Amino acid sequence: MRTPRCVTSLGSGLTSQLNELERSIHPRYRLQWRNGNVHFGKQPIVLSLKALNIHIALQQERLRIHRPFLVRGKGYERSRAACLEAASTLLAIHRSPFMRAACFGGLTYKTIAAATCLAIDLLQSHGSDSFDATAVAHRDEVVHACVRALPSAR
């Protein structure tokens, strides 16, 4: 099955615009990473909150663009990878120590949406040769996100 050209060009065009927007963000609002987790250093809490909100919105848009193409198959590889990367980034933001104290409206929805994308990918890869260390990491992210987002799941 061929990927419709209009679909892939629209997705790549929107992704290019998001990437350009992300590159244009002032350095003080860029996320810093340490050991796979968001790190804020010594910047004021207000700047940290602004940076989080910007990146949550960017990753959520990236997830919305690529989620419909979360399939394994020729022509969808870049879209699938972008979706999984956005989902992983959203979950990394959610599990950051700063988020334990903060409560953002709608973040639980975004977390569950990201975890769902990773879970769908896991279901598609189950029993195939592509079930590797990345899939195991995604499984752990899904479990962790569900436990954090849904207190009744504990």
C-alpha atoms as a PDB file:
ATOM      1  CA  MET A   1       0.000   0.000   0.000  1.00  0.00           C
ATOM      2  CA  ARG A   2       1.423   3.361  -1.029  1.00  0.00           C
ATOM      3  CA  THR A   3       1.324   6.383   1.200  1.00  0.00           C
ATOM      4  CA  PRO A   4      -0.736   9.148  -0.413  1.00  0.00           C
ATOM      5  CA  ARG A   5       1.609  11.933  -1.471  1.00  0.00           C
ATOM      6  CA  CYS A   6      -0.651  14.698  -0.142  1.00  0.00           C
ATOM      7  CA  VAL A   7      -0.667  13.117   3.324  1.00  0.00           C
ATOM      8  CA  THR A   8       3.088  12.815   3.618  1.00  0.00           C
ATOM      9  CA  SER A   9       3.735  16.299   2.221  1.00  0.00           C
ATOM     10  CA  LEU A  10       1.218  17.869   4.612  1.00  0.00           C
ATOM     11  CA  GLY A  11       2.718  16.050   7.589  1.00  0.00           C
ATOM     12  CA  SER A  12       6.284  16.943   6.646  1.00  0.00           C
ATOM     13  CA  GLY A  13       5.307  20.569   5.980  1.00  0.00           C
ATOM     14  CA  LEU A  14       3.678  20.952   9.377  1.00  0.00           C
ATOM     15  CA  THR A  15       6.598  19.194  11.033  1.00  0.00           C
ATOM     16  CA  SER A  16       9.037  21.584   9.344  1.00  0.00           C
ATOM     17  CA  GLN A  17       7.068  24.542  10.682  1.00  0.00           C
ATOM     18  CA  LEU A  18       7.092  23.065  14.196  1.00  0.00           C
ATOM     19  CA  ASN A  19      10.835  22.391  13.993  1.00  0.00           C
ATOM     20  CA  GLU A  20      11.448  25.970  12.861  1.00  0.00           C
ATOM     21  CA  LEU A  21       9.305  27.290  15.711  1.00  0.00           C
ATOM     22  CA  GLU A  22      11.203  25.122  18.183  1.00  0.00           C
ATOM     23  CA  ARG A  23      14.555  26.397  16.887  1.00  0.00           C
ATOM     24  CA  SER A  24      13.351  30.005  17.257  1.00  0.00           C
ATOM     25  CA  ILE A  25      12.582  29.642  20.976  1.00  0.00           C
ATOM     26  CA  HIS A  26      14.761  31.855  23.149  1.00  0.00           C
ATOM     27  CA  PRO A  27      17.536  29.799  24.797  1.00  0.00           C
ATOM     28  CA  ARG A  28      16.211  30.442  28.317  1.00  0.00           C
ATOM     29  CA  TYR A  29      12.999  28.597  27.358  1.00  0.00           C
ATOM     30  CA  ARG A  30      14.681  25.532  25.885  1.00  0.00           C
ATOM     31  CA  LEU A  31      14.552  22.356  27.881  1.00  0.00           C
ATOM     32  CA  GLN A  32      17.788  21.023  29.281  1.00  0.00           C
ATOM     33  CA  TRP A  33      18.173  17.267  29.586  1.00  0.00           C
ATOM     34  CA  ARG A  34      20.156  15.287  32.108  1.00  0.00           C
ATOM     35  CA  ASN A  35      20.084  11.464  32.093  1.00  0.00           C
ATOM     36  CA  GLY A  36      16.901  11.408  30.011  1.00  0.00           C
ATOM     37  CA  ASN A  37      15.056  13.751  32.359  1.00  0.00           C
ATOM     38  CA  VAL A  38      14.195  17.426  32.163  1.00  0.00           C
ATOM     39  CA  HIS A  39      16.606  19.528  34.214  1.00  0.00           C
ATOM     40  CA  PHE A  40      15.930  23.138  35.197  1.00  0.00           C
ATOM     41  CA  GLY A  41      19.135  24.138  36.893  1.00  0.00           C
ATOM     42  CA  LYS A  42      18.915  27.363  38.858  1.00  0.00           C
ATOM     43  CA  GLN A  43      16.481  29.300  36.714  1.00  0.00           C
ATOM     44  CA  PRO A  44      13.439  30.889  38.385  1.00  0.00           C
ATOM     45  CA  ILE A  45      10.291  28.793  38.684  1.00  0.00           C
ATOM     46  CA  VAL A  46       8.373  31.168  36.394  1.00  0.00           C
ATOM     47  CA  LEU A  47      10.844  30.547  33.560  1.00  0.00           C
ATOM     48  CA  SER A  48      10.654  26.801  34.167  1.00  0.00           C
ATOM     49  CA  LEU A  49       6.859  26.888  33.965  1.00  0.00           C
ATOM     50  CA  LYS A  50       6.954  28.890  30.744  1.00  0.00           C
ATOM     51  CA  ALA A  51       9.490  26.512  29.216  1.00  0.00           C
ATOM     52  CA  LEU A  52       7.391  23.503  30.208  1.00  0.00           C
ATOM     53  CA  ASN A  53       4.220  24.979  28.750  1.00  0.00           C
ATOM     54  CA  ILE A  54       5.939  25.818  25.467  1.00  0.00           C
ATOM     55  CA  HIS A  55       7.399  22.342  25.084  1.00  0.00           C
ATOM     56  CA  ILE A  56       4.260  20.538  26.198  1.00  0.00           C
ATOM     57  CA  ALA A  57       2.339  22.429  23.507  1.00  0.00           C
ATOM     58  CA  LEU A  58       4.983  21.733  20.835  1.00  0.00           C
ATOM     59  CA  GLN A  59       5.150  18.024  21.574  1.00  0.00           C
ATOM     60  CA  GLN A  60       1.366  17.730  21.746  1.00  0.00           C
ATOM     61  CA  GLU A  61       1.058  19.309  18.287  1.00  0.00           C
ATOM     62  CA  ARG A  62       3.745  16.991  16.948  1.00  0.00           C
ATOM     63  CA  LEU A  63       1.823  14.064  18.419  1.00  0.00           C
ATOM     64  CA  ARG A  64      -1.441  15.247  16.822  1.00  0.00           C
ATOM     65  CA  ILE A  65       0.163  15.586  13.411  1.00  0.00           C
ATOM     66  CA  HIS A  66       1.795  12.159  13.374  1.00  0.00           C
ATOM     67  CA  ARG A  67      -0.551  10.005  15.468  1.00  0.00           C
ATOM     68  CA  PRO A  68      -2.813   9.110  12.506  1.00  0.00           C
ATOM     69  CA  PHE A  69       0.221   7.593  10.767  1.00  0.00           C
ATOM     70  CA  LEU A  70       1.412   5.461  13.680  1.00  0.00           C
ATOM     71  CA  VAL A  71       1.565   2.371  11.536  1.00  0.00           C
ATOM     72  CA  ARG A  72       4.390   0.124  10.583  1.00  0.00           C
ATOM     73  CA  GLY A  73       4.964   0.146   6.895  1.00  0.00           C
ATOM     74  CA  LYS A  74       6.858   1.658   4.048  1.00  0.00           C
ATOM     75  CA  GLY A  75       6.343   5.380   3.758  1.00  0.00           C
ATOM     76  CA  TYR A  76       5.359   5.938   7.374  1.00  0.00           C
ATOM     77  CA  GLU A  77       8.712   5.470   9.114  1.00  0.00           C
ATOM     78  CA  ARG A  78       9.491   9.168   9.659  1.00  0.00           C
ATOM     79  CA  SER A  79       6.001   9.957  10.864  1.00  0.00           C
ATOM     80  CA  ARG A  80       6.002   6.984  13.235  1.00  0.00           C
ATOM     81  CA  ALA A  81       9.413   7.974  14.627  1.00  0.00           C
ATOM     82  CA  ALA A  82       8.284  11.594  15.122  1.00  0.00           C
ATOM     83  CA  CYS A  83       5.141  10.433  16.938  1.00  0.00           C
ATOM     84  CA  LEU A  84       7.073   8.109  19.245  1.00  0.00           C
ATOM     85  CA  GLU A  85       9.693  10.763  19.973  1.00  0.00           C
ATOM     86  CA  ALA A  86       7.008  13.339  20.834  1.00  0.00           C
ATOM     87  CA  ALA A  87       5.248  10.806  23.069  1.00  0.00           C
ATOM     88  CA  SER A  88       8.487   9.945  24.870  1.00  0.00           C
ATOM     89  CA  THR A  89       9.302  13.629  25.360  1.00  0.00           C
ATOM     90  CA  LEU A  90       5.855  14.353  26.796  1.00  0.00           C
ATOM     91  CA  LEU A  91       6.239  11.457  29.217  1.00  0.00           C
ATOM     92  CA  ALA A  92       9.740  12.626  30.183  1.00  0.00           C
ATOM     93  CA  ILE A  93       8.329  16.064  30.974  1.00  0.00           C
ATOM     94  CA  HIS A  94       5.547  14.469  32.989  1.00  0.00           C
ATOM     95  CA  ARG A  95       7.913  12.375  35.086  1.00  0.00           C
ATOM     96  CA  SER A  96      10.301  15.252  35.825  1.00  0.00           C
ATOM     97  CA  PRO A  97      10.687  16.048  39.542  1.00  0.00           C
ATOM     98  CA  PHE A  98       9.290  19.529  38.944  1.00  0.00           C
ATOM     99  CA  MET A  99       5.998  18.041  37.743  1.00  0.00           C
ATOM    100  CA  ARG A 100       5.475  16.223  41.039  1.00  0.00           C
ATOM    101  CA  ALA A 101       4.821  19.580  42.695  1.00  0.00           C
ATOM    102  CA  ALA A 102       3.070  21.315  39.786  1.00  0.00           C
ATOM    103  CA  CYS A 103      -0.410  20.604  38.530  1.00  0.00           C
ATOM    104  CA  PHE A 104      -1.160  21.550  34.934  1.00  0.00           C
ATOM    105  CA  GLY A 105      -4.686  21.343  33.666  1.00  0.00           C
ATOM    106  CA  GLY A 106      -4.901  18.939  30.775  1.00  0.00           C
ATOM    107  CA  LEU A 107      -1.534  17.356  31.376  1.00  0.00           C
ATOM    108  CA  THR A 108      -3.121  14.074  32.381  1.00  0.00           C
ATOM    109  CA  TYR A 109      -4.888  13.992  29.005  1.00  0.00           C
ATOM    110  CA  LYS A 110      -1.636  14.682  27.189  1.00  0.00           C
ATOM    111  CA  THR A 111       0.146  12.024  29.232  1.00  0.00           C
ATOM    112  CA  ILE A 112      -2.486   9.404  28.495  1.00  0.00           C
ATOM    113  CA  ALA A 113      -2.456  10.342  24.785  1.00  0.00           C
ATOM    114  CA  ALA A 114       1.334   9.927  24.706  1.00  0.00           C
ATOM    115  CA  ALA A 115       1.184   6.644  26.622  1.00  0.00           C
ATOM    116  CA  THR A 116      -1.520   5.396  24.243  1.00  0.00           C
ATOM    117  CA  CYS A 117       0.721   6.060  21.227  1.00  0.00           C
ATOM    118  CA  LEU A 118       3.547   4.093  22.808  1.00  0.00           C
ATOM    119  CA  ALA A 119       1.146   1.296  23.768  1.00  0.00           C
ATOM    120  CA  ILE A 120      -0.197   1.083  20.200  1.00  0.00           C
ATOM    121  CA  ASP A 121       3.341   0.795  18.906  1.00  0.00           C
ATOM    122  CA  LEU A 122       4.043  -1.938  21.442  1.00  0.00           C
ATOM    123  CA  LEU A 123       0.971  -3.854  20.342  1.00  0.00           C
ATOM    124  CA  GLN A 124       2.040  -3.573  16.712  1.00  0.00           C
ATOM    125  CA  SER A 125       5.545  -4.788  17.496  1.00  0.00           C
ATOM    126  CA  HIS A 126       4.516  -7.685  19.752  1.00  0.00           C
ATOM    127  CA  GLY A 127       5.707 -10.973  18.331  1.00  0.00           C
ATOM    128  CA  SER A 128       7.831  -9.340  15.649  1.00  0.00           C
ATOM    129  CA  ASP A 129      11.591  -9.030  15.325  1.00  0.00           C
ATOM    130  CA  SER A 130      11.375  -5.333  16.178  1.00  0.00           C
ATOM    131  CA  PHE A 131      10.528  -5.931  19.847  1.00  0.00           C
ATOM    132  CA  ASP A 132      13.836  -4.692  21.235  1.00  0.00           C
ATOM    133  CA  ALA A 133      15.284  -2.574  24.027  1.00  0.00           C
ATOM    134  CA  THR A 134      13.409   0.494  22.736  1.00  0.00           C
ATOM    135  CA  ALA A 135      10.125  -1.386  22.971  1.00  0.00           C
ATOM    136  CA  VAL A 136      10.943  -2.456  26.526  1.00  0.00           C
ATOM    137  CA  ALA A 137      11.741   1.170  27.420  1.00  0.00           C
ATOM    138  CA  HIS A 138       8.443   2.277  25.871  1.00  0.00           C
ATOM    139  CA  ARG A 139       6.593  -0.371  27.873  1.00  0.00           C
ATOM    140  CA  ASP A 140       8.169   0.929  31.070  1.00  0.00           C
ATOM    141  CA  GLU A 141       7.252   4.516  30.118  1.00  0.00           C
ATOM    142  CA  VAL A 142       3.630   3.498  29.522  1.00  0.00           C
ATOM    143  CA  VAL A 143       3.357   1.760  32.892  1.00  0.00           C
ATOM    144  CA  HIS A 144       5.026   4.647  34.728  1.00  0.00           C
ATOM    145  CA  ALA A 145       2.821   7.232  33.003  1.00  0.00           C
ATOM    146  CA  CYS A 146      -0.379   5.368  33.786  1.00  0.00           C
ATOM    147  CA  VAL A 147       0.567   4.946  37.447  1.00  0.00           C
ATOM    148  CA  ARG A 148       1.427   8.654  37.751  1.00  0.00           C
ATOM    149  CA  ALA A 149      -1.560   9.959  35.789  1.00  0.00           C
ATOM    150  CA  LEU A 150      -4.150   7.635  37.243  1.00  0.00           C
ATOM    151  CA  PRO A 151      -3.746   7.386  41.012  1.00  0.00           C
ATOM    152  CA  SER A 152      -6.337   4.615  41.114  1.00  0.00           C
ATOM    153  CA  ALA A 153      -3.998   2.449  38.974  1.00  0.00           C
ATOM    154  CA  ARG A 154      -1.607   2.088  41.908  1.00  0.00           C
END
